[in-house]
PDB file of N, CA and C in Angstrom:
ATOM      1  N   SER A   1       0.833  -1.193   0.000  1.00  0.00           N
ATOM      2  CA  SER A   1       0.000   0.000   0.000  1.00  0.00           C
ATOM      3  C   SER A   1       0.869   1.245   0.000  1.00  0.00           C
ATOM      4  N   SER A   2       0.301   2.305  -0.483  1.00  0.00           N
ATOM      5  CA  SER A   2       1.038   3.560  -0.507  1.00  0.00           C
ATOM      6  C   SER A   2       1.052   4.187   0.885  1.00  0.00           C
ATOM      7  N   LEU A   3       2.104   4.920   1.177  1.00  0.00           N
ATOM      8  CA  LEU A   3       2.223   5.547   2.496  1.00  0.00           C
ATOM      9  C   LEU A   3       1.107   6.560   2.747  1.00  0.00           C
ATOM     10  N   PRO A   4       0.708   7.377   1.771  1.00  0.00           N
ATOM     11  CA  PRO A   4      -0.419   8.287   2.045  1.00  0.00           C
ATOM     12  C   PRO A   4      -1.709   7.537   2.366  1.00  0.00           C
ATOM     13  N   ARG A   5      -1.924   6.399   1.717  1.00  0.00           N
ATOM     14  CA  ARG A   5      -3.137   5.606   2.001  1.00  0.00           C
ATOM     15  C   ARG A   5      -3.070   5.029   3.414  1.00  0.00           C
ATOM     16  N   ILE A   6      -1.902   4.535   3.816  1.00  0.00           N
ATOM     17  CA  ILE A   6      -1.738   4.017   5.179  1.00  0.00           C
ATOM     18  C   ILE A   6      -2.074   5.111   6.182  1.00  0.00           C
ATOM     19  N   SER A   7      -1.537   6.286   5.962  1.00  0.00           N
ATOM     20  CA  SER A   7      -1.777   7.404   6.876  1.00  0.00           C
ATOM     21  C   SER A   7      -3.258   7.757   6.936  1.00  0.00           C
ATOM     22  N   ALA A   8      -3.909   7.794   5.796  1.00  0.00           N
ATOM     23  CA  ALA A   8      -5.335   8.132   5.747  1.00  0.00           C
ATOM     24  C   ALA A   8      -6.182   7.107   6.493  1.00  0.00           C
ATOM     25  N   VAL A   9      -5.888   5.835   6.296  1.00  0.00           N
ATOM     26  CA  VAL A   9      -6.650   4.770   6.966  1.00  0.00           C
ATOM     27  C   VAL A   9      -6.435   4.831   8.477  1.00  0.00           C
ATOM     28  N   LEU A  10      -5.193   5.028   8.905  1.00  0.00           N
ATOM     29  CA  LEU A  10      -4.914   5.098  10.338  1.00  0.00           C
ATOM     30  C   LEU A  10      -5.554   6.330  10.971  1.00  0.00           C
ATOM     31  N   THR A  11      -5.545   7.431  10.264  1.00  0.00           N
ATOM     32  CA  THR A  11      -6.183   8.647  10.773  1.00  0.00           C
ATOM     33  C   THR A  11      -7.688   8.451  10.918  1.00  0.00           C
ATOM     34  N   LYS A  12      -8.288   7.794   9.942  1.00  0.00           N
ATOM     35  CA  LYS A  12      -9.738   7.590   9.958  1.00  0.00           C
ATOM     36  C   LYS A  12     -10.171   6.602  11.038  1.00  0.00           C
ATOM     37  N   TYR A  13      -9.475   5.468  11.171  1.00  0.00           N
ATOM     38  CA  TYR A  13      -9.945   4.400  12.050  1.00  0.00           C
ATOM     39  C   TYR A  13      -9.286   4.370  13.432  1.00  0.00           C
ATOM     40  N   LYS A  14      -8.164   5.037  13.599  1.00  0.00           N
ATOM     41  CA  LYS A  14      -7.488   5.159  14.901  1.00  0.00           C
ATOM     42  C   LYS A  14      -7.326   3.813  15.627  1.00  0.00           C
ATOM     43  N   PRO A  15      -6.648   2.846  14.999  1.00  0.00           N
ATOM     44  CA  PRO A  15      -6.477   1.538  15.646  1.00  0.00           C
ATOM     45  C   PRO A  15      -5.482   1.600  16.803  1.00  0.00           C
ATOM     46  N   GLU A  16      -5.618   0.686  17.721  1.00  0.00           N
ATOM     47  CA  GLU A  16      -4.656   0.555  18.816  1.00  0.00           C
ATOM     48  C   GLU A  16      -3.428  -0.216  18.358  1.00  0.00           C
ATOM     49  N   VAL A  17      -3.651  -1.160  17.421  1.00  0.00           N
ATOM     50  CA  VAL A  17      -2.587  -2.042  16.951  1.00  0.00           C
ATOM     51  C   VAL A  17      -2.558  -2.007  15.430  1.00  0.00           C
ATOM     52  N   VAL A  18      -1.343  -1.956  14.871  1.00  0.00           N
ATOM     53  CA  VAL A  18      -1.154  -2.004  13.420  1.00  0.00           C
ATOM     54  C   VAL A  18      -0.162  -3.112  13.114  1.00  0.00           C
ATOM     55  N   GLN A  19      -0.492  -3.936  12.117  1.00  0.00           N
ATOM     56  CA  GLN A  19       0.415  -4.997  11.683  1.00  0.00           C
ATOM     57  C   GLN A  19       0.737  -4.800  10.213  1.00  0.00           C
ATOM     58  N   PHE A  20       2.027  -4.888   9.892  1.00  0.00           N
ATOM     59  CA  PHE A  20       2.466  -4.809   8.503  1.00  0.00           C
ATOM     60  C   PHE A  20       3.037  -6.147   8.083  1.00  0.00           C
ATOM     61  N   THR A  21       2.795  -6.491   6.818  1.00  0.00           N
ATOM     62  CA  THR A  21       3.363  -7.705   6.245  1.00  0.00           C
ATOM     63  C   THR A  21       3.577  -7.474   4.760  1.00  0.00           C
ATOM     64  N   ALA A  22       4.591  -8.098   4.233  1.00  0.00           N
ATOM     65  CA  ALA A  22       4.895  -8.087   2.796  1.00  0.00           C
ATOM     66  C   ALA A  22       4.922  -6.690   2.190  1.00  0.00           C
ATOM     67  N   PRO A  23       5.759  -5.809   2.605  1.00  0.00           N
ATOM     68  CA  PRO A  23       6.844  -5.965   3.564  1.00  0.00           C
ATOM     69  C   PRO A  23       6.411  -5.579   4.977  1.00  0.00           C
ATOM     70  N   GLY A  24       7.087  -6.168   5.953  1.00  0.00           N
ATOM     71  CA  GLY A  24       6.835  -5.802   7.344  1.00  0.00           C
ATOM     72  C   GLY A  24       7.313  -4.397   7.632  1.00  0.00           C
ATOM     73  N   VAL A  25       8.436  -4.034   7.027  1.00  0.00           N
ATOM     74  CA  VAL A  25       8.989  -2.692   7.184  1.00  0.00           C
ATOM     75  C   VAL A  25       9.312  -2.172   5.791  1.00  0.00           C
ATOM     76  N   SER A  26       8.749  -1.021   5.443  1.00  0.00           N
ATOM     77  CA  SER A  26       9.002  -0.444   4.134  1.00  0.00           C
ATOM     78  C   SER A  26      10.380   0.207   4.099  1.00  0.00           C
ATOM     79  N   GLU A  27      10.805   0.594   2.924  1.00  0.00           N
ATOM     80  CA  GLU A  27      12.094   1.262   2.774  1.00  0.00           C
ATOM     81  C   GLU A  27      12.115   2.526   3.638  1.00  0.00           C
ATOM     82  N   GLY A  28      13.154   2.651   4.429  1.00  0.00           N
ATOM     83  CA  GLY A  28      13.257   3.795   5.329  1.00  0.00           C
ATOM     84  C   GLY A  28      12.336   3.705   6.534  1.00  0.00           C
ATOM     85  N   ALA A  29      11.674   2.581   6.694  1.00  0.00           N
ATOM     86  CA  ALA A  29      10.752   2.348   7.816  1.00  0.00           C
ATOM     87  C   ALA A  29       9.645   3.395   7.881  1.00  0.00           C
ATOM     88  N   GLU A  30       9.296   3.968   6.752  1.00  0.00           N
ATOM     89  CA  GLU A  30       8.265   5.017   6.724  1.00  0.00           C
ATOM     90  C   GLU A  30       6.915   4.509   7.208  1.00  0.00           C
ATOM     91  N   ASN A  31       6.573   3.245   6.900  1.00  0.00           N
ATOM     92  CA  ASN A  31       5.289   2.718   7.363  1.00  0.00           C
ATOM     93  C   ASN A  31       5.237   2.649   8.888  1.00  0.00           C
ATOM     94  N   VAL A  32       6.345   2.271   9.509  1.00  0.00           N
ATOM     95  CA  VAL A  32       6.396   2.187  10.971  1.00  0.00           C
ATOM     96  C   VAL A  32       6.316   3.595  11.576  1.00  0.00           C
ATOM     97  N   LYS A  33       7.004   4.548  10.979  1.00  0.00           N
ATOM     98  CA  LYS A  33       6.971   5.931  11.472  1.00  0.00           C
ATOM     99  C   LYS A  33       5.546   6.486  11.428  1.00  0.00           C
ATOM    100  N   ILE A  34       4.836   6.222  10.348  1.00  0.00           N
ATOM    101  CA  ILE A  34       3.446   6.682  10.221  1.00  0.00           C
ATOM    102  C   ILE A  34       2.573   5.992  11.268  1.00  0.00           C
ATOM    103  N   ALA A  35       2.729   4.679  11.418  1.00  0.00           N
ATOM    104  CA  ALA A  35       1.911   3.930  12.375  1.00  0.00           C
ATOM    105  C   ALA A  35       2.137   4.426  13.797  1.00  0.00           C
ATOM    106  N   ARG A  36       3.366   4.770  14.126  1.00  0.00           N
ATOM    107  CA  ARG A  36       3.697   5.272  15.474  1.00  0.00           C
ATOM    108  C   ARG A  36       2.902   6.523  15.840  1.00  0.00           C
ATOM    109  N   GLN A  37       2.516   7.298  14.848  1.00  0.00           N
ATOM    110  CA  GLN A  37       1.749   8.522  15.080  1.00  0.00           C
ATOM    111  C   GLN A  37       0.302   8.225  15.463  1.00  0.00           C
ATOM    112  N   HIS A  38      -0.155   6.996  15.196  1.00  0.00           N
ATOM    113  CA  HIS A  38      -1.575   6.685  15.359  1.00  0.00           C
ATOM    114  C   HIS A  38      -1.875   5.514  16.281  1.00  0.00           C
ATOM    115  N   ALA A  39      -0.961   4.568  16.395  1.00  0.00           N
ATOM    116  CA  ALA A  39      -1.247   3.320  17.110  1.00  0.00           C
ATOM    117  C   ALA A  39      -0.326   3.154  18.310  1.00  0.00           C
ATOM    118  N   THR A  40      -0.800   2.391  19.277  1.00  0.00           N
ATOM    119  CA  THR A  40      -0.025   2.092  20.472  1.00  0.00           C
ATOM    120  C   THR A  40       0.996   0.997  20.213  1.00  0.00           C
ATOM    121  N   ILE A  41       0.599  -0.012  19.437  1.00  0.00           N
ATOM    122  CA  ILE A  41       1.453  -1.172  19.162  1.00  0.00           C
ATOM    123  C   ILE A  41       1.624  -1.321  17.658  1.00  0.00           C
ATOM    124  N   VAL A  42       2.874  -1.515  17.230  1.00  0.00           N
ATOM    125  CA  VAL A  42       3.176  -1.739  15.815  1.00  0.00           C
ATOM    126  C   VAL A  42       3.855  -3.098  15.687  1.00  0.00           C
ATOM    127  N   MET A  43       3.306  -3.940  14.807  1.00  0.00           N
ATOM    128  CA  MET A  43       3.830  -5.284  14.589  1.00  0.00           C
ATOM    129  C   MET A  43       4.308  -5.410  13.146  1.00  0.00           C
ATOM    130  N   ALA A  44       5.320  -6.259  12.940  1.00  0.00           N
ATOM    131  CA  ALA A  44       5.809  -6.535  11.589  1.00  0.00           C
ATOM    132  C   ALA A  44       5.972  -8.035  11.420  1.00  0.00           C
ATOM    133  N   GLN A  45       5.426  -8.558  10.340  1.00  0.00           N
ATOM    134  CA  GLN A  45       5.604  -9.971  10.011  1.00  0.00           C
ATOM    135  C   GLN A  45       6.819 -10.079   9.104  1.00  0.00           C
ATOM    136  N   VAL A  46       7.737 -10.977   9.453  1.00  0.00           N
ATOM    137  CA  VAL A  46       8.979 -11.117   8.701  1.00  0.00           C
ATOM    138  C   VAL A  46       9.178 -12.557   8.271  1.00  0.00           C
ATOM    139  N   GLY A  47       9.974 -12.741   7.224  1.00  0.00           N
ATOM    140  CA  GLY A  47      10.239 -14.071   6.725  1.00  0.00           C
ATOM    141  C   GLY A  47      11.715 -14.419   6.677  1.00  0.00           C
ATOM    142  N   SER A  48      12.547 -13.550   7.248  1.00  0.00           N
ATOM    143  CA  SER A  48      13.985 -13.817   7.263  1.00  0.00           C
ATOM    144  C   SER A  48      14.622 -13.057   8.420  1.00  0.00           C
ATOM    145  N   ILE A  49      15.843 -13.442   8.743  1.00  0.00           N
ATOM    146  CA  ILE A  49      16.585 -12.738   9.790  1.00  0.00           C
ATOM    147  C   ILE A  49      16.837 -11.290   9.361  1.00  0.00           C
ATOM    148  N   ALA A  50      17.157 -11.087   8.094  1.00  0.00           N
ATOM    149  CA  ALA A  50      17.399  -9.724   7.604  1.00  0.00           C
ATOM    150  C   ALA A  50      16.165  -8.846   7.812  1.00  0.00           C
ATOM    151  N   GLU A  51      14.991  -9.385   7.509  1.00  0.00           N
ATOM    152  CA  GLU A  51      13.758  -8.618   7.714  1.00  0.00           C
ATOM    153  C   GLU A  51      13.509  -8.389   9.205  1.00  0.00           C
ATOM    154  N   ALA A  52      13.841  -9.358  10.038  1.00  0.00           N
ATOM    155  CA  ALA A  52      13.684  -9.195  11.489  1.00  0.00           C
ATOM    156  C   ALA A  52      14.621  -8.099  12.001  1.00  0.00           C
ATOM    157  N   GLN A  53      15.834  -8.042  11.472  1.00  0.00           N
ATOM    158  CA  GLN A  53      16.770  -6.980  11.856  1.00  0.00           C
ATOM    159  C   GLN A  53      16.229  -5.614  11.451  1.00  0.00           C
ATOM    160  N   ASP A  54      15.634  -5.535  10.268  1.00  0.00           N
ATOM    161  CA  ASP A  54      15.019  -4.278   9.824  1.00  0.00           C
ATOM    162  C   ASP A  54      13.886  -3.877  10.764  1.00  0.00           C
ATOM    163  N   ALA A  55      13.085  -4.865  11.168  1.00  0.00           N
ATOM    164  CA  ALA A  55      11.960  -4.583  12.068  1.00  0.00           C
ATOM    165  C   ALA A  55      12.454  -4.095  13.424  1.00  0.00           C
ATOM    166  N   MET A  56      13.500  -4.729  13.939  1.00  0.00           N
ATOM    167  CA  MET A  56      14.069  -4.279  15.211  1.00  0.00           C
ATOM    168  C   MET A  56      14.613  -2.859  15.079  1.00  0.00           C
ATOM    169  N   SER A  57      15.342  -2.601  14.013  1.00  0.00           N
ATOM    170  CA  SER A  57      15.909  -1.266  13.796  1.00  0.00           C
ATOM    171  C   SER A  57      14.824  -0.206  13.672  1.00  0.00           C
ATOM    172  N   ALA A  58      13.687  -0.594  13.106  1.00  0.00           N
ATOM    173  CA  ALA A  58      12.569   0.341  12.937  1.00  0.00           C
ATOM    174  C   ALA A  58      11.830   0.582  14.250  1.00  0.00           C
ATOM    175  N   GLY A  59      12.078  -0.295  15.241  1.00  0.00           N
ATOM    176  CA  GLY A  59      11.455  -0.109  16.545  1.00  0.00           C
ATOM    177  C   GLY A  59      10.058  -0.671  16.687  1.00  0.00           C
ATOM    178  N   VAL A  60       9.740  -1.717  15.917  1.00  0.00           N
ATOM    179  CA  VAL A  60       8.416  -2.324  16.090  1.00  0.00           C
ATOM    180  C   VAL A  60       8.323  -2.960  17.472  1.00  0.00           C
ATOM    181  N   ASP A  61       7.112  -3.116  17.951  1.00  0.00           N
ATOM    182  CA  ASP A  61       6.879  -3.702  19.272  1.00  0.00           C
ATOM    183  C   ASP A  61       6.855  -5.220  19.246  1.00  0.00           C
ATOM    184  N   ILE A  62       6.374  -5.783  18.140  1.00  0.00           N
ATOM    185  CA  ILE A  62       6.220  -7.232  18.028  1.00  0.00           C
ATOM    186  C   ILE A  62       6.700  -7.670  16.653  1.00  0.00           C
ATOM    187  N   ILE A  63       7.499  -8.734  16.627  1.00  0.00           N
ATOM    188  CA  ILE A  63       7.946  -9.327  15.370  1.00  0.00           C
ATOM    189  C   ILE A  63       7.273 -10.684  15.233  1.00  0.00           C
ATOM    190  N   ILE A  64       6.606 -10.901  14.113  1.00  0.00           N
ATOM    191  CA  ILE A  64       5.958 -12.178  13.808  1.00  0.00           C
ATOM    192  C   ILE A  64       6.842 -12.889  12.792  1.00  0.00           C
ATOM    193  N   ALA A  65       7.348 -14.060  13.153  1.00  0.00           N
ATOM    194  CA  ALA A  65       8.213 -14.830  12.260  1.00  0.00           C
ATOM    195  C   ALA A  65       7.366 -15.809  11.461  1.00  0.00           C
ATOM    196  N   GLN A  66       7.365 -15.654  10.144  1.00  0.00           N
ATOM    197  CA  GLN A  66       6.615 -16.550   9.257  1.00  0.00           C
ATOM    198  C   GLN A  66       7.591 -17.334   8.409  1.00  0.00           C
ATOM    199  N   GLY A  67       7.579 -18.635   8.563  1.00  0.00           N
ATOM    200  CA  GLY A  67       8.460 -19.484   7.780  1.00  0.00           C
ATOM    201  C   GLY A  67       7.969 -19.674   6.361  1.00  0.00           C
ATOM    202  N   THR A  68       8.824 -20.242   5.552  1.00  0.00           N
ATOM    203  CA  THR A  68       8.497 -20.421   4.139  1.00  0.00           C
ATOM    204  C   THR A  68       7.324 -21.373   3.917  1.00  0.00           C
ATOM    205  N   GLU A  69       7.054 -22.264   4.871  1.00  0.00           N
ATOM    206  CA  GLU A  69       5.936 -23.199   4.689  1.00  0.00           C
ATOM    207  C   GLU A  69       4.582 -22.561   5.007  1.00  0.00           C
ATOM    208  N   ALA A  70       4.578 -21.287   5.400  1.00  0.00           N
ATOM    209  CA  ALA A  70       3.341 -20.624   5.812  1.00  0.00           C
ATOM    210  C   ALA A  70       2.661 -19.857   4.682  1.00  0.00           C
ATOM    211  N   GLY A  71       3.044 -20.080   3.453  1.00  0.00           N
ATOM    212  CA  GLY A  71       2.335 -19.464   2.351  1.00  0.00           C
ATOM    213  C   GLY A  71       3.145 -18.450   1.574  1.00  0.00           C
ATOM    214  N   GLY A  72       4.212 -17.960   2.129  1.00  0.00           N
ATOM    215  CA  GLY A  72       5.123 -17.140   1.369  1.00  0.00           C
ATOM    216  C   GLY A  72       4.930 -15.656   1.417  1.00  0.00           C
ATOM    217  N   HIS A  73       3.941 -15.121   0.726  1.00  0.00           N
ATOM    218  CA  HIS A  73       3.756 -13.677   0.590  1.00  0.00           C
ATOM    219  C   HIS A  73       5.010 -13.027   0.027  1.00  0.00           C
ATOM    220  N   GLY A  74       5.513 -13.593  -1.063  1.00  0.00           N
ATOM    221  CA  GLY A  74       6.654 -13.011  -1.735  1.00  0.00           C
ATOM    222  C   GLY A  74       7.997 -13.390  -1.168  1.00  0.00           C
ATOM    223  N   LEU A  75       8.020 -14.289  -0.204  1.00  0.00           N
ATOM    224  CA  LEU A  75       9.302 -14.689   0.381  1.00  0.00           C
ATOM    225  C   LEU A  75      10.102 -15.493  -0.632  1.00  0.00           C
ATOM    226  N   ARG A  76      11.380 -15.197  -0.700  1.00  0.00           N
ATOM    227  CA  ARG A  76      12.271 -15.943  -1.583  1.00  0.00           C
ATOM    228  C   ARG A  76      12.973 -17.007  -0.743  1.00  0.00           C
ATOM    229  N   PRO A  77      13.091 -18.223  -1.247  1.00  0.00           N
ATOM    230  CA  PRO A  77      13.699 -19.304  -0.470  1.00  0.00           C
ATOM    231  C   PRO A  77      15.084 -18.970   0.066  1.00  0.00           C
ATOM    232  N   GLU A  78      15.860 -18.200  -0.673  1.00  0.00           N
ATOM    233  CA  GLU A  78      17.205 -17.895  -0.211  1.00  0.00           C
ATOM    234  C   GLU A  78      17.213 -16.928   0.978  1.00  0.00           C
ATOM    235  N   LEU A  79      16.099 -16.265   1.236  1.00  0.00           N
ATOM    236  CA  LEU A  79      16.011 -15.337   2.366  1.00  0.00           C
ATOM    237  C   LEU A  79      15.323 -15.955   3.576  1.00  0.00           C
ATOM    238  N   GLY A  80      14.484 -16.947   3.341  1.00  0.00           N
ATOM    239  CA  GLY A  80      13.670 -17.463   4.432  1.00  0.00           C
ATOM    240  C   GLY A  80      14.094 -18.844   4.889  1.00  0.00           C
ATOM    241  N   THR A  81      13.389 -19.308   5.891  1.00  0.00           N
ATOM    242  CA  THR A  81      13.616 -20.635   6.438  1.00  0.00           C
ATOM    243  C   THR A  81      12.288 -21.111   7.027  1.00  0.00           C
ATOM    244  N   ALA A  82      12.260 -22.307   7.550  1.00  0.00           N
ATOM    245  CA  ALA A  82      11.041 -22.824   8.165  1.00  0.00           C
ATOM    246  C   ALA A  82      10.726 -22.030   9.441  1.00  0.00           C
ATOM    247  N   THR A  83       9.487 -22.073   9.868  1.00  0.00           N
ATOM    248  CA  THR A  83       9.033 -21.245  10.991  1.00  0.00           C
ATOM    249  C   THR A  83       9.803 -21.488  12.285  1.00  0.00           C
ATOM    250  N   MET A  84       9.964 -22.734  12.697  1.00  0.00           N
ATOM    251  CA  MET A  84      10.600 -22.992  13.992  1.00  0.00           C
ATOM    252  C   MET A  84      12.045 -22.497  14.055  1.00  0.00           C
ATOM    253  N   PRO A  85      12.892 -22.800  13.063  1.00  0.00           N
ATOM    254  CA  PRO A  85      14.252 -22.269  13.129  1.00  0.00           C
ATOM    255  C   PRO A  85      14.285 -20.746  13.009  1.00  0.00           C
ATOM    256  N   LEU A  86      13.400 -20.188  12.188  1.00  0.00           N
ATOM    257  CA  LEU A  86      13.352 -18.736  12.053  1.00  0.00           C
ATOM    258  C   LEU A  86      12.921 -18.087  13.355  1.00  0.00           C
ATOM    259  N   ALA A  87      11.865 -18.616  13.973  1.00  0.00           N
ATOM    260  CA  ALA A  87      11.389 -18.046  15.242  1.00  0.00           C
ATOM    261  C   ALA A  87      12.469 -18.134  16.313  1.00  0.00           C
ATOM    262  N   ALA A  88      13.175 -19.258  16.380  1.00  0.00           N
ATOM    263  CA  ALA A  88      14.249 -19.406  17.367  1.00  0.00           C
ATOM    264  C   ALA A  88      15.368 -18.406  17.107  1.00  0.00           C
ATOM    265  N   ALA A  89      15.730 -18.219  15.854  1.00  0.00           N
ATOM    266  CA  ALA A  89      16.796 -17.273  15.512  1.00  0.00           C
ATOM    267  C   ALA A  89      16.380 -15.836  15.816  1.00  0.00           C
ATOM    268  N   VAL A  90      15.128 -15.497  15.531  1.00  0.00           N
ATOM    269  CA  VAL A  90      14.633 -14.147  15.822  1.00  0.00           C
ATOM    270  C   VAL A  90      14.613 -13.920  17.332  1.00  0.00           C
ATOM    271  N   CYS A  91      14.144 -14.886  18.099  1.00  0.00           N
ATOM    272  CA  CYS A  91      14.139 -14.748  19.568  1.00  0.00           C
ATOM    273  C   CYS A  91      15.549 -14.555  20.100  1.00  0.00           C
ATOM    274  N   SER A  92      16.504 -15.320  19.600  1.00  0.00           N
ATOM    275  CA  SER A  92      17.895 -15.173  20.034  1.00  0.00           C
ATOM    276  C   SER A  92      18.416 -13.780  19.701  1.00  0.00           C
ATOM    277  N   MET A  93      18.101 -13.295  18.510  1.00  0.00           N
ATOM    278  CA  MET A  93      18.557 -11.986  18.086  1.00  0.00           C
ATOM    279  C   MET A  93      17.979 -10.893  18.987  1.00  0.00           C
ATOM    280  N   VAL A  94      16.697 -11.007  19.290  1.00  0.00           N
ATOM    281  CA  VAL A  94      16.032 -10.014  20.153  1.00  0.00           C
ATOM    282  C   VAL A  94      16.623 -10.062  21.560  1.00  0.00           C
ATOM    283  N   GLN A  95      16.841 -11.255  22.090  1.00  0.00           N
ATOM    284  CA  GLN A  95      17.416 -11.394  23.433  1.00  0.00           C
ATOM    285  C   GLN A  95      18.822 -10.819  23.499  1.00  0.00           C
ATOM    286  N   LYS A  96      19.634 -11.064  22.483  1.00  0.00           N
ATOM    287  CA  LYS A  96      20.994 -10.521  22.456  1.00  0.00           C
ATOM    288  C   LYS A  96      20.975  -8.995  22.384  1.00  0.00           C
ATOM    289  N   ALA A  97      19.938  -8.442  21.779  1.00  0.00           N
ATOM    290  CA  ALA A  97      19.820  -6.988  21.680  1.00  0.00           C
ATOM    291  C   ALA A  97      19.328  -6.374  22.984  1.00  0.00           C
ATOM    292  N   GLY A  98      18.910  -7.247  23.928  1.00  0.00           N
ATOM    293  CA  GLY A  98      18.431  -6.755  25.201  1.00  0.00           C
ATOM    294  C   GLY A  98      17.000  -6.288  25.195  1.00  0.00           C
ATOM    295  N   THR A  99      16.241  -6.730  24.183  1.00  0.00           N
ATOM    296  CA  THR A  99      14.845  -6.376  24.061  1.00  0.00           C
ATOM    297  C   THR A  99      14.011  -7.554  24.538  1.00  0.00           C
ATOM    298  N   PRO A 100      12.930  -7.334  25.292  1.00  0.00           N
ATOM    299  CA  PRO A 100      12.084  -8.459  25.725  1.00  0.00           C
ATOM    300  C   PRO A 100      11.538  -9.220  24.531  1.00  0.00           C
ATOM    301  N   SER A 101      11.527 -10.544  24.606  1.00  0.00           N
ATOM    302  CA  SER A 101      10.974 -11.329  23.489  1.00  0.00           C
ATOM    303  C   SER A 101       9.599 -11.830  23.824  1.00  0.00           C
TER     304      SER A 101
END
């Protein structure tokens, strides 16, 4: 979705929670920045460690790890992995960063 459309929808409906997927974090994390202006909790669904790192850097509150067997949503096999190993790797990464998992 376009960033102006995201902003318009959030302004109109004023949700408490916003979840982004495919991509979880847009270039420059602009989607997360917009969501922060309107919502209490921002979540990002990721399909790789690289995407999880982007989500952490963007400051999302919750990271949802989706493995390649969960339907894809544009995930490339070389970037993703199965859900359990991905979730474990994301949890380890978050714990090492000192953020609650």
